[in-house]
N, C-alpha and C. Protein backbone atom coordinates (compact mmCIF):
# COMPACT_ATOMS: atom_id res chain seq x y z
N MET A 1 33.03 15.66 76.14
CA MET A 1 32.54 15.44 74.89
C MET A 1 32.90 14.41 73.92
N ARG A 2 32.31 13.49 73.59
CA ARG A 2 33.10 12.44 72.75
C ARG A 2 32.08 12.48 71.64
N GLN A 3 32.92 12.62 70.22
CA GLN A 3 32.26 12.56 68.87
C GLN A 3 32.68 11.36 68.40
N GLU A 4 31.77 10.39 67.75
CA GLU A 4 32.06 9.54 66.79
C GLU A 4 32.11 9.70 65.30
N VAL A 5 32.83 9.35 64.50
CA VAL A 5 32.65 9.57 63.24
C VAL A 5 33.05 8.46 62.38
N ASN A 6 32.18 7.91 61.64
CA ASN A 6 32.06 6.56 60.60
C ASN A 6 32.93 6.93 59.64
N LEU A 7 34.31 6.42 59.71
CA LEU A 7 34.88 6.33 58.26
C LEU A 7 34.45 5.80 57.24
N TYR A 8 33.65 4.56 57.51
CA TYR A 8 33.53 3.24 57.16
C TYR A 8 32.41 3.75 55.71
N GLN A 9 32.98 3.69 54.54
CA GLN A 9 31.90 3.99 53.52
C GLN A 9 31.70 2.83 52.63
N PRO A 10 30.30 1.90 52.69
CA PRO A 10 30.34 0.82 52.04
C PRO A 10 30.83 0.99 50.50
N VAL A 11 31.11 -0.36 50.11
CA VAL A 11 32.07 -0.24 48.77
C VAL A 11 30.70 -0.37 47.68
N ARG A 12 30.24 0.51 46.65
CA ARG A 12 29.13 0.31 45.65
C ARG A 12 30.21 -0.22 44.40
N ARG A 13 29.54 -1.46 43.82
CA ARG A 13 29.77 -2.18 42.87
C ARG A 13 29.54 -1.58 41.71
N ASN A 14 29.69 -1.05 40.89
CA ASN A 14 29.53 -0.82 39.50
C ASN A 14 29.22 -1.75 38.56
N ARG A 15 28.20 -1.72 38.16
CA ARG A 15 27.40 -2.94 37.12
C ARG A 15 28.63 -2.81 35.72
N ASP A 16 28.99 -4.01 35.05
CA ASP A 16 29.75 -3.80 34.15
C ASP A 16 28.61 -4.50 33.10
N TRP A 17 28.18 -3.75 32.45
CA TRP A 17 27.12 -4.03 31.32
C TRP A 17 28.04 -4.76 29.95
N LEU A 18 29.13 -4.84 30.07
CA LEU A 18 29.85 -5.41 28.50
C LEU A 18 30.30 -6.57 29.48
N SER A 19 30.20 -7.23 30.49
CA SER A 19 30.85 -8.36 31.18
C SER A 19 30.53 -9.30 30.95
N LEU A 20 30.64 -10.52 30.82
CA LEU A 20 29.97 -11.90 30.90
C LEU A 20 28.44 -11.93 31.63
N ALA A 21 29.00 -11.95 32.72
CA ALA A 21 27.92 -11.56 33.72
C ALA A 21 26.46 -10.94 32.91
N ALA A 22 26.36 -9.82 32.30
CA ALA A 22 25.81 -9.33 31.94
C ALA A 22 24.94 -10.07 30.48
N LEU A 23 25.80 -11.02 30.07
CA LEU A 23 25.21 -11.70 28.80
C LEU A 23 24.03 -11.97 28.82
N PRO A 24 23.46 -12.54 29.69
CA PRO A 24 21.76 -13.21 29.68
C PRO A 24 21.00 -12.24 29.64
N LEU A 25 21.48 -11.04 30.40
CA LEU A 25 20.64 -9.87 30.04
C LEU A 25 20.38 -9.21 28.88
N TRP A 26 21.50 -9.16 28.17
CA TRP A 26 21.37 -8.79 26.90
C TRP A 26 20.79 -9.76 25.88
N ALA A 27 21.14 -11.22 26.03
CA ALA A 27 20.37 -12.25 25.53
C ALA A 27 19.20 -11.84 25.71
N GLY A 28 18.38 -11.88 26.44
CA GLY A 28 16.98 -12.02 26.99
C GLY A 28 16.64 -10.73 26.46
N GLY A 29 17.18 -9.61 26.36
CA GLY A 29 16.73 -8.42 25.39
C GLY A 29 16.35 -8.56 24.26
N LEU A 30 17.64 -9.29 23.48
CA LEU A 30 17.31 -9.36 21.64
C LEU A 30 16.45 -10.25 21.57
N ALA A 31 15.71 -11.46 22.42
CA ALA A 31 15.05 -12.28 21.90
C ALA A 31 13.84 -11.75 22.37
N LEU A 32 13.57 -10.62 22.86
CA LEU A 32 11.92 -9.73 23.29
C LEU A 32 12.01 -9.46 22.26
N ALA A 33 13.47 -8.23 21.95
CA ALA A 33 13.10 -7.63 20.54
C ALA A 33 12.83 -8.39 19.38
N LEU A 34 13.24 -9.33 18.94
CA LEU A 34 12.85 -10.31 18.07
C LEU A 34 11.80 -10.59 17.78
N ALA A 35 11.11 -11.39 19.30
CA ALA A 35 9.94 -11.57 19.18
C ALA A 35 8.87 -10.44 18.66
N LEU A 36 8.71 -9.52 19.10
CA LEU A 36 8.01 -8.32 18.81
C LEU A 36 8.27 -7.91 17.70
N PHE A 37 9.28 -7.99 16.92
CA PHE A 37 9.74 -7.55 15.27
C PHE A 37 9.06 -8.93 14.57
N SER A 38 8.62 -9.91 14.89
CA SER A 38 8.61 -11.37 14.09
C SER A 38 7.14 -10.98 14.32
N GLY A 39 6.22 -10.61 15.88
CA GLY A 39 5.04 -10.77 15.60
C GLY A 39 4.55 -9.63 14.56
N TRP A 40 5.05 -8.40 14.46
CA TRP A 40 4.65 -7.22 14.03
C TRP A 40 5.09 -7.43 12.20
N TYR A 41 6.08 -8.10 11.71
CA TYR A 41 6.13 -8.55 10.63
C TYR A 41 5.21 -9.66 9.60
N TRP A 42 4.61 -10.65 10.91
CA TRP A 42 3.20 -11.48 10.32
C TRP A 42 2.41 -10.80 10.36
N GLN A 43 2.05 -10.03 11.33
CA GLN A 43 0.76 -9.17 11.04
C GLN A 43 0.69 -8.26 9.63
N GLN A 44 1.78 -7.81 9.07
CA GLN A 44 1.76 -6.92 8.05
C GLN A 44 1.65 -8.23 7.02
N VAL A 45 2.52 -9.51 6.83
CA VAL A 45 1.93 -10.21 5.71
C VAL A 45 0.61 -10.75 5.72
N ALA A 46 -0.17 -10.94 6.72
CA ALA A 46 -1.40 -11.48 6.69
C ALA A 46 -2.45 -10.49 6.50
N ASP A 47 -1.97 -8.97 6.74
CA ASP A 47 -3.13 -7.79 6.29
C ASP A 47 -2.82 -7.98 4.58
N SER A 48 -1.79 -8.24 4.41
CA SER A 48 -1.36 -8.25 2.66
C SER A 48 -1.99 -9.31 1.85
N GLU A 49 -2.21 -10.38 2.79
CA GLU A 49 -2.80 -11.51 2.03
C GLU A 49 -4.44 -11.07 2.24
N ARG A 50 -4.37 -10.42 3.16
CA ARG A 50 -6.49 -10.43 3.45
C ARG A 50 -6.82 -9.64 2.38
N ARG A 51 -5.81 -8.46 2.01
CA ARG A 51 -6.00 -7.26 0.66
C ARG A 51 -6.03 -7.94 -0.46
N ALA A 52 -5.47 -8.97 -0.56
CA ALA A 52 -5.09 -9.62 -1.88
C ALA A 52 -6.33 -10.78 -2.27
N GLU A 53 -7.17 -11.53 -1.06
CA GLU A 53 -7.96 -11.89 -1.32
C GLU A 53 -9.49 -11.55 -1.44
N ARG A 54 -9.20 -10.08 -0.81
CA ARG A 54 -10.67 -9.17 -1.37
C ARG A 54 -10.41 -8.90 -2.89
N LEU A 55 -8.98 -8.48 -3.39
CA LEU A 55 -9.27 -8.11 -4.52
C LEU A 55 -9.17 -9.29 -5.48
N THR A 56 -8.80 -10.59 -5.47
CA THR A 56 -9.53 -11.44 -6.02
C THR A 56 -10.79 -11.58 -5.98
N GLN A 57 -11.34 -11.59 -4.97
CA GLN A 57 -12.94 -11.89 -5.15
C GLN A 57 -13.82 -10.70 -5.59
N GLN A 58 -13.09 -9.34 -5.59
CA GLN A 58 -13.94 -8.36 -6.52
C GLN A 58 -13.53 -8.64 -7.83
N VAL A 59 -12.46 -8.92 -8.31
CA VAL A 59 -12.22 -9.24 -9.96
C VAL A 59 -13.46 -10.68 -10.23
N GLN A 60 -13.48 -11.82 -9.45
CA GLN A 60 -14.18 -12.56 -9.72
C GLN A 60 -15.79 -11.98 -9.97
N GLU A 61 -16.18 -11.18 -8.83
CA GLU A 61 -17.56 -10.95 -8.86
C GLU A 61 -17.61 -10.01 -10.43
N GLU A 62 -16.82 -9.23 -10.52
CA GLU A 62 -16.97 -8.27 -11.70
C GLU A 62 -17.01 -9.12 -13.20
N ARG A 63 -16.47 -10.57 -12.87
CA ARG A 63 -15.89 -11.33 -14.07
C ARG A 63 -17.71 -11.83 -14.29
N GLU A 64 -18.07 -12.25 -13.24
CA GLU A 64 -19.34 -12.68 -13.39
C GLU A 64 -20.45 -11.66 -13.60
N ALA A 65 -19.82 -10.43 -13.33
CA ALA A 65 -21.00 -9.50 -14.11
C ALA A 65 -20.93 -9.80 -15.56
N VAL A 66 -19.87 -9.64 -15.97
CA VAL A 66 -19.41 -9.17 -17.18
C VAL A 66 -20.06 -10.53 -18.19
N GLU A 67 -20.02 -11.65 -17.58
CA GLU A 67 -20.85 -12.85 -18.23
C GLU A 67 -22.10 -12.60 -18.34
N ALA A 68 -22.53 -12.22 -17.14
CA ALA A 68 -24.23 -11.75 -17.20
C ALA A 68 -24.72 -10.65 -18.28
N LEU A 69 -23.73 -9.64 -18.55
CA LEU A 69 -23.93 -8.78 -19.67
C LEU A 69 -24.01 -9.18 -20.55
N ARG A 70 -22.79 -10.22 -21.29
CA ARG A 70 -22.86 -11.20 -22.48
C ARG A 70 -24.30 -11.67 -22.60
N ALA A 71 -24.63 -12.29 -21.92
CA ALA A 71 -25.68 -13.35 -21.71
C ALA A 71 -26.88 -12.09 -22.48
N GLU A 72 -27.04 -11.03 -22.02
CA GLU A 72 -27.94 -10.79 -22.18
C GLU A 72 -27.92 -9.78 -23.94
N ALA A 73 -26.71 -9.69 -24.29
CA ALA A 73 -26.47 -8.88 -25.58
C ALA A 73 -27.15 -10.23 -26.69
N PRO A 74 -27.91 -10.05 -27.54
CA PRO A 74 -28.57 -11.00 -28.67
C PRO A 74 -27.05 -10.71 -29.40
N PRO A 75 -26.86 -12.32 -29.81
CA PRO A 75 -25.97 -12.47 -30.90
C PRO A 75 -25.78 -11.97 -31.91
N GLU A 76 -27.05 -12.02 -32.68
CA GLU A 76 -27.45 -11.66 -33.92
C GLU A 76 -27.53 -10.00 -34.25
N ASP A 77 -27.67 -9.25 -33.18
CA ASP A 77 -27.76 -7.53 -33.24
C ASP A 77 -27.48 -7.36 -31.88
N PRO A 78 -26.51 -7.39 -31.65
CA PRO A 78 -25.74 -6.88 -30.49
C PRO A 78 -25.77 -5.10 -30.32
N ASP A 79 -26.42 -4.61 -28.92
CA ASP A 79 -26.52 -3.33 -28.54
C ASP A 79 -25.02 -2.56 -28.47
N PRO A 80 -25.12 -1.73 -28.99
CA PRO A 80 -23.26 -0.62 -29.38
C PRO A 80 -23.13 -0.80 -27.59
N ALA A 81 -24.37 0.13 -27.30
CA ALA A 81 -24.24 1.01 -25.87
C ALA A 81 -23.54 -0.42 -24.75
N LEU A 82 -24.56 -1.82 -24.94
CA LEU A 82 -24.05 -2.59 -24.26
C LEU A 82 -22.83 -3.30 -24.26
N GLN A 83 -22.50 -3.25 -25.44
CA GLN A 83 -20.70 -3.74 -25.94
C GLN A 83 -20.09 -2.83 -25.44
N ARG A 84 -20.48 -1.59 -25.65
CA ARG A 84 -19.22 -0.73 -24.87
C ARG A 84 -19.02 -0.79 -23.14
N ARG A 85 -20.53 -1.10 -22.85
CA ARG A 85 -20.39 -1.11 -20.97
C ARG A 85 -19.61 -2.59 -21.06
N VAL A 86 -19.89 -3.55 -21.45
CA VAL A 86 -19.02 -4.95 -21.53
C VAL A 86 -17.41 -4.58 -21.52
N GLN A 87 -16.89 -3.90 -22.52
CA GLN A 87 -15.84 -3.71 -22.71
C GLN A 87 -14.86 -3.01 -21.66
N SER A 88 -15.97 -2.01 -21.19
CA SER A 88 -15.45 -1.07 -20.23
C SER A 88 -14.96 -1.76 -18.88
N LEU A 89 -16.13 -2.75 -18.58
CA LEU A 89 -15.86 -3.40 -17.23
C LEU A 89 -14.66 -4.56 -17.63
N GLU A 90 -14.40 -4.83 -18.69
CA GLU A 90 -13.49 -5.99 -19.16
C GLU A 90 -12.02 -5.10 -18.72
N ASP A 91 -12.19 -3.93 -19.26
CA ASP A 91 -10.90 -3.00 -18.80
C ASP A 91 -10.63 -2.84 -17.36
N GLU A 92 -11.89 -2.54 -16.79
CA GLU A 92 -11.19 -2.53 -15.61
C GLU A 92 -10.43 -3.77 -14.51
N ILE A 93 -11.40 -5.06 -15.24
CA ILE A 93 -11.15 -6.14 -14.61
C ILE A 93 -9.66 -6.09 -14.62
N THR A 94 -9.14 -6.07 -15.62
CA THR A 94 -7.99 -6.34 -15.92
C THR A 94 -7.28 -5.13 -15.44
N ALA A 95 -7.11 -4.01 -15.59
CA ALA A 95 -6.52 -2.88 -14.67
C ALA A 95 -6.57 -3.74 -13.17
N ARG A 96 -7.59 -3.85 -12.58
CA ARG A 96 -7.41 -4.18 -11.05
C ARG A 96 -6.24 -5.71 -10.92
N GLN A 97 -6.51 -6.41 -11.84
CA GLN A 97 -5.83 -7.91 -11.82
C GLN A 97 -4.14 -7.32 -11.99
N ARG A 98 -4.00 -6.61 -12.70
CA ARG A 98 -2.49 -5.81 -13.06
C ARG A 98 -2.09 -5.51 -11.66
N LEU A 99 -3.20 -4.70 -10.82
CA LEU A 99 -2.67 -4.14 -9.73
C LEU A 99 -2.60 -4.74 -8.65
N GLY A 100 -3.37 -6.34 -8.73
CA GLY A 100 -3.51 -7.09 -8.04
C GLY A 100 -2.16 -7.75 -7.65
N ASP A 101 -1.53 -7.96 -8.54
CA ASP A 101 -0.01 -8.41 -8.86
C ASP A 101 1.19 -7.65 -8.13
N ARG A 102 0.67 -6.54 -7.76
CA ARG A 102 1.84 -5.70 -6.89
C ARG A 102 1.01 -5.70 -5.36
N VAL A 103 0.16 -6.42 -5.14
CA VAL A 103 -0.24 -6.62 -3.79
C VAL A 103 0.44 -7.66 -2.68
N VAL A 104 1.61 -6.94 -2.40
CA VAL A 104 2.61 -7.44 -1.45
C VAL A 104 2.89 -6.94 0.11
N ALA A 105 3.61 -7.81 0.66
CA ALA A 105 4.12 -6.78 1.93
C ALA A 105 5.15 -5.51 1.98
N THR A 106 4.52 -4.28 1.96
CA THR A 106 5.27 -3.38 1.71
C THR A 106 6.01 -2.65 2.88
N ASP A 107 7.46 -1.95 2.49
CA ASP A 107 7.85 -1.15 3.68
C ASP A 107 6.91 0.35 3.53
N ASP A 108 6.52 0.17 4.63
CA ASP A 108 5.53 1.33 5.34
C ASP A 108 6.18 2.15 6.08
N ALA A 109 7.51 2.35 6.03
CA ALA A 109 8.22 3.24 6.58
C ALA A 109 7.97 4.84 6.07
N PRO A 110 8.47 5.91 6.72
CA PRO A 110 7.98 7.04 6.80
C PRO A 110 8.69 7.67 5.13
N TRP A 111 8.40 8.64 4.39
CA TRP A 111 8.92 8.61 3.28
C TRP A 111 10.56 9.24 3.61
N ARG A 112 11.07 8.51 2.90
CA ARG A 112 12.73 8.78 3.36
C ARG A 112 13.19 10.01 2.51
N GLY A 113 12.52 10.55 1.83
CA GLY A 113 13.10 12.03 0.99
C GLY A 113 12.18 13.23 1.72
N GLY A 114 11.19 12.98 2.44
CA GLY A 114 10.22 13.84 2.88
C GLY A 114 8.97 14.03 1.58
N PHE A 115 8.40 14.98 1.97
CA PHE A 115 7.32 14.88 0.93
C PHE A 115 7.77 15.65 -0.60
N ALA A 116 8.68 16.63 0.00
CA ALA A 116 9.09 16.98 -1.60
C ALA A 116 9.46 15.91 -2.47
N SER A 117 9.79 14.68 -2.25
CA SER A 117 10.44 13.71 -2.89
C SER A 117 9.12 13.08 -3.36
N VAL A 118 8.24 12.88 -2.99
CA VAL A 118 6.62 12.07 -3.56
C VAL A 118 6.35 13.02 -4.37
N PHE A 119 6.32 14.42 -4.24
CA PHE A 119 5.34 15.14 -5.12
C PHE A 119 6.56 15.24 -6.67
N GLN A 120 7.78 15.14 -6.40
CA GLN A 120 8.55 15.22 -7.54
C GLN A 120 8.62 13.92 -8.26
N GLY A 121 8.39 12.61 -7.35
CA GLY A 121 8.30 11.71 -8.33
C GLY A 121 7.09 11.34 -9.14
N LEU A 122 5.88 11.95 -8.34
CA LEU A 122 4.66 11.83 -8.89
C LEU A 122 4.45 12.94 -10.47
N ALA A 123 5.36 13.74 -10.21
CA ALA A 123 5.31 14.98 -11.48
C ALA A 123 6.25 14.41 -12.45
N ARG A 124 7.24 13.68 -11.90
CA ARG A 124 7.88 12.98 -13.05
C ARG A 124 7.15 11.98 -14.21
N GLU A 125 6.39 11.22 -13.31
CA GLU A 125 5.64 10.37 -14.08
C GLU A 125 4.26 10.68 -14.46
N ALA A 126 4.33 12.04 -15.15
CA ALA A 126 3.07 12.59 -15.35
C ALA A 126 2.76 11.67 -16.85
N ALA A 127 1.49 11.61 -17.18
CA ALA A 127 1.03 11.26 -18.65
C ALA A 127 -0.12 11.98 -18.86
N ASP A 128 -0.38 11.79 -20.31
CA ASP A 128 -1.73 12.30 -20.95
C ASP A 128 -2.86 11.73 -20.33
N ASP A 129 -2.90 10.36 -20.23
CA ASP A 129 -4.07 9.91 -20.02
C ASP A 129 -3.86 9.78 -19.11
N VAL A 130 -3.29 9.93 -17.48
CA VAL A 130 -3.76 9.74 -16.42
C VAL A 130 -3.22 11.20 -15.50
N TRP A 131 -4.16 11.66 -14.91
CA TRP A 131 -3.75 12.72 -14.07
C TRP A 131 -4.42 12.83 -12.52
N LEU A 132 -4.01 13.58 -11.60
CA LEU A 132 -4.00 13.82 -10.39
C LEU A 132 -4.58 14.75 -10.06
N GLU A 133 -5.86 14.87 -9.19
CA GLU A 133 -6.68 15.93 -8.53
C GLU A 133 -6.35 16.02 -7.13
N ARG A 134 -5.78 15.04 -6.54
CA ARG A 134 -5.97 14.98 -5.22
C ARG A 134 -4.81 14.22 -4.63
N ILE A 135 -3.67 14.64 -4.07
CA ILE A 135 -2.78 13.52 -3.25
C ILE A 135 -2.61 13.77 -1.83
N ARG A 136 -2.70 13.10 -1.06
CA ARG A 136 -2.75 12.73 0.67
C ARG A 136 -1.82 11.99 0.97
N ALA A 137 -0.47 12.33 1.15
CA ALA A 137 0.80 12.01 1.72
C ALA A 137 0.74 12.18 3.27
N ARG A 138 0.58 10.74 4.06
CA ARG A 138 0.89 10.93 5.43
C ARG A 138 1.96 10.63 6.04
N ALA A 139 2.72 11.30 7.19
CA ALA A 139 3.56 11.15 7.80
C ALA A 139 4.68 10.08 7.74
N ASP A 140 3.55 8.91 8.40
CA ASP A 140 3.39 7.53 8.37
C ASP A 140 3.82 6.85 7.26
N GLY A 141 3.87 7.22 6.53
CA GLY A 141 3.87 6.74 5.04
C GLY A 141 2.53 6.40 4.25
N GLY A 142 1.64 6.94 4.75
CA GLY A 142 -0.13 6.29 4.19
C GLY A 142 0.28 7.24 3.04
N LEU A 143 -0.54 6.67 1.85
CA LEU A 143 -0.78 7.55 0.40
C LEU A 143 -2.01 7.32 -0.20
N ARG A 144 -2.63 8.29 -0.60
CA ARG A 144 -3.85 8.36 -1.36
C ARG A 144 -3.72 8.95 -2.39
N LEU A 145 -4.18 8.70 -3.44
CA LEU A 145 -4.37 9.50 -4.84
C LEU A 145 -5.24 9.57 -5.23
N GLU A 146 -5.88 10.50 -5.83
CA GLU A 146 -7.78 10.38 -6.46
C GLU A 146 -7.26 11.36 -7.57
N GLY A 147 -7.88 10.79 -8.86
CA GLY A 147 -7.83 11.35 -10.13
C GLY A 147 -8.61 10.97 -11.26
N GLY A 148 -8.48 11.32 -12.59
CA GLY A 148 -9.14 10.46 -13.56
C GLY A 148 -8.07 10.11 -14.80
N ALA A 149 -8.72 9.27 -15.74
CA ALA A 149 -7.90 8.52 -16.70
C ALA A 149 -9.21 8.41 -18.29
N MET A 150 -8.36 8.47 -19.26
CA MET A 150 -8.84 8.41 -19.94
C MET A 150 -9.25 6.70 -20.61
N ARG A 151 -8.74 5.59 -19.78
CA ARG A 151 -8.94 4.41 -20.41
C ARG A 151 -8.17 3.84 -19.14
N ALA A 152 -8.97 3.00 -18.61
CA ALA A 152 -8.87 1.73 -17.54
C ALA A 152 -7.26 1.57 -17.10
N ALA A 153 -6.83 0.82 -18.26
CA ALA A 153 -5.60 0.02 -18.39
C ALA A 153 -4.68 1.30 -18.39
N ALA A 154 -4.67 2.56 -18.46
CA ALA A 154 -3.58 3.43 -18.21
C ALA A 154 -3.41 3.92 -16.66
N VAL A 155 -4.28 3.85 -15.61
CA VAL A 155 -4.02 3.44 -14.16
C VAL A 155 -2.76 2.48 -13.59
N PRO A 156 -3.11 1.07 -13.95
CA PRO A 156 -1.75 -0.13 -13.58
C PRO A 156 -0.32 0.60 -14.29
N GLU A 157 -0.53 1.14 -15.69
CA GLU A 157 0.75 1.57 -16.34
C GLU A 157 1.11 2.82 -15.56
N PHE A 158 0.64 3.96 -15.07
CA PHE A 158 1.07 4.47 -14.12
C PHE A 158 1.44 3.80 -12.94
N VAL A 159 1.03 3.05 -12.24
CA VAL A 159 1.60 2.47 -10.91
C VAL A 159 2.91 1.67 -11.21
N ASP A 160 2.99 1.27 -12.49
CA ASP A 160 4.17 0.51 -12.70
C ASP A 160 5.42 1.28 -13.27
N HIS A 161 4.95 2.83 -14.00
CA HIS A 161 6.02 3.76 -13.82
C HIS A 161 6.18 4.44 -12.88
N LEU A 162 5.84 4.38 -11.73
CA LEU A 162 5.73 5.33 -10.43
C LEU A 162 6.87 4.29 -9.70
N GLY A 163 6.70 2.79 -9.64
CA GLY A 163 7.26 1.79 -8.71
C GLY A 163 8.94 2.09 -9.50
N ARG A 164 9.13 2.88 -10.43
CA ARG A 164 10.61 3.06 -10.67
C ARG A 164 11.03 4.30 -9.88
N GLU A 165 10.29 4.87 -9.47
CA GLU A 165 10.78 6.14 -8.84
C GLU A 165 11.90 6.07 -7.67
N PRO A 166 12.72 6.59 -7.09
CA PRO A 166 13.68 6.25 -5.97
C PRO A 166 12.89 5.71 -4.57
N GLU A 167 11.78 7.14 -4.55
CA GLU A 167 10.82 7.25 -3.50
C GLU A 167 9.61 6.26 -3.57
N PHE A 168 9.44 5.81 -4.44
CA PHE A 168 8.29 4.44 -4.34
C PHE A 168 8.91 3.10 -4.41
N ILE A 169 10.13 3.03 -4.61
CA ILE A 169 10.58 1.81 -4.49
C ILE A 169 10.61 0.67 -3.39
N GLY A 170 9.67 -0.50 -3.89
CA GLY A 170 9.78 -0.92 -2.42
C GLY A 170 7.90 -0.59 -1.71
N ARG A 171 7.21 -0.12 -2.49
CA ARG A 171 6.02 -0.03 -2.02
C ARG A 171 5.51 -0.27 -3.03
N SER A 172 3.56 -0.60 -2.42
CA SER A 172 2.74 -1.14 -3.34
C SER A 172 1.57 -0.55 -3.09
N PHE A 173 0.62 -0.54 -4.18
CA PHE A 173 -0.67 -0.26 -3.76
C PHE A 173 -1.73 -1.42 -3.45
N ALA A 174 -2.45 -1.40 -2.74
CA ALA A 174 -3.40 -2.49 -2.21
C ALA A 174 -4.97 -2.15 -2.60
N GLY A 175 -4.86 -1.08 -2.87
CA GLY A 175 -6.46 -0.80 -2.97
C GLY A 175 -6.65 0.53 -4.09
N LEU A 176 -7.74 -0.24 -5.10
CA LEU A 176 -8.12 0.57 -6.16
C LEU A 176 -9.76 0.82 -6.75
N GLU A 177 -9.91 1.72 -6.51
CA GLU A 177 -11.57 2.06 -7.07
C GLU A 177 -11.57 2.52 -8.40
N LEU A 178 -12.12 2.00 -9.33
CA LEU A 178 -12.50 2.68 -10.63
C LEU A 178 -14.15 2.90 -10.89
N ARG A 179 -14.23 4.24 -10.77
CA ARG A 179 -15.70 4.62 -11.55
C ARG A 179 -16.02 5.17 -12.59
N ARG A 180 -16.83 4.90 -13.50
CA ARG A 180 -17.19 5.39 -14.88
C ARG A 180 -18.45 5.67 -14.94
N PRO A 181 -18.39 7.20 -15.35
CA PRO A 181 -19.54 7.73 -15.62
C PRO A 181 -20.77 6.80 -16.37
N GLU A 182 -21.80 6.79 -15.97
CA GLU A 182 -23.20 6.09 -17.01
C GLU A 182 -22.89 6.14 -18.43
N ASP A 183 -22.90 7.37 -19.11
CA ASP A 183 -22.81 7.70 -20.19
C ASP A 183 -21.67 6.77 -21.18
N ASN A 184 -20.58 6.69 -20.23
CA ASN A 184 -19.25 6.32 -21.10
C ASN A 184 -18.81 7.17 -21.55
N GLU A 185 -19.06 8.29 -21.24
CA GLU A 185 -18.48 9.25 -22.74
C GLU A 185 -17.07 10.39 -21.85
N ARG A 186 -17.52 10.06 -20.58
CA ARG A 186 -16.73 11.20 -19.71
C ARG A 186 -15.33 10.29 -19.32
N PRO A 187 -14.31 10.90 -18.75
CA PRO A 187 -13.33 10.21 -18.31
C PRO A 187 -13.67 9.46 -17.13
N LEU A 188 -12.79 7.99 -16.88
CA LEU A 188 -13.43 7.44 -15.70
C LEU A 188 -12.39 7.94 -14.13
N ARG A 189 -13.26 7.80 -13.36
CA ARG A 189 -12.40 8.46 -12.26
C ARG A 189 -11.74 7.15 -11.47
N PHE A 190 -10.45 7.53 -10.49
CA PHE A 190 -10.06 6.43 -9.78
C PHE A 190 -9.27 6.95 -8.37
N VAL A 191 -9.56 6.03 -7.68
CA VAL A 191 -8.74 6.28 -6.14
C VAL A 191 -7.70 4.88 -6.00
N LEU A 192 -6.49 5.61 -5.56
CA LEU A 192 -5.43 4.68 -5.35
C LEU A 192 -4.89 4.54 -3.68
N ARG A 193 -4.95 3.79 -3.42
CA ARG A 193 -4.66 3.41 -1.62
C ARG A 193 -3.22 2.74 -1.36
N GLY A 194 -2.32 3.44 -0.97
CA GLY A 194 -1.00 2.49 -0.51
C GLY A 194 -1.03 1.78 0.32
N ALA A 195 -0.40 0.65 0.49
CA ALA A 195 -0.52 -0.69 1.32
C ALA A 195 0.48 -0.22 2.53
N GLY A 196 -0.18 -0.75 3.91
CA GLY A 196 0.09 0.11 4.93
C GLY A 196 -0.08 1.62 4.87
N GLY A 197 0.13 1.69 6.84
CA GLY A 197 0.10 3.47 6.74
C GLY A 197 -1.46 3.89 6.40
N GLY A 198 -1.68 4.65 7.32
CA GLY A 198 -3.01 5.30 6.98
C GLY A 198 -3.11 5.78 5.93
N ASP A 199 -4.52 6.06 5.30
CA ASP A 199 -4.50 6.96 4.29
C ASP A 199 -5.77 7.78 4.00
N ASP A 200 -6.65 7.99 4.68
CA ASP A 200 -7.69 8.54 5.23
C ASP A 200 -7.43 9.78 5.42
């Protein structure tokens, strides 16, 4: 009986990923990553620009409503209730314009310090004429604040102060809703939505 044993083993070449031969692969991968990041970044910029355009249009519509109310008010004997309504709308327009200045592309990364840092920052910026009744912070960086205020101008002031908190630096609010009761006696209601990230 004869038995044959193959002592020849094919040599398997180990690929050196750090060699010059692998350089085209690294360059291609880097180019692909940069292209993906560039597409995501410009999409964020485009979304921010659309939000700014919507806010500008809303401010213009409210200005037209104020002018219409002024036209209804008799100059010789103005209605006090109508004057209060006009002043209320002007305050809300000013608040929206101030908030509109903050509509920029935002870092919508998750909260760096966790949810605890979000609530700590909000607590440090508590004010007498603004209060929060509902806070919704999402893990993806989304934020929604609901509350009340004694005056419309207090809301953008609250946002300005909040921007000094470490957890909120680089973030902005892209949506503001202001609702004032018909009697103009009770506090107005507001909803703030953070730019980027889901907030619903």
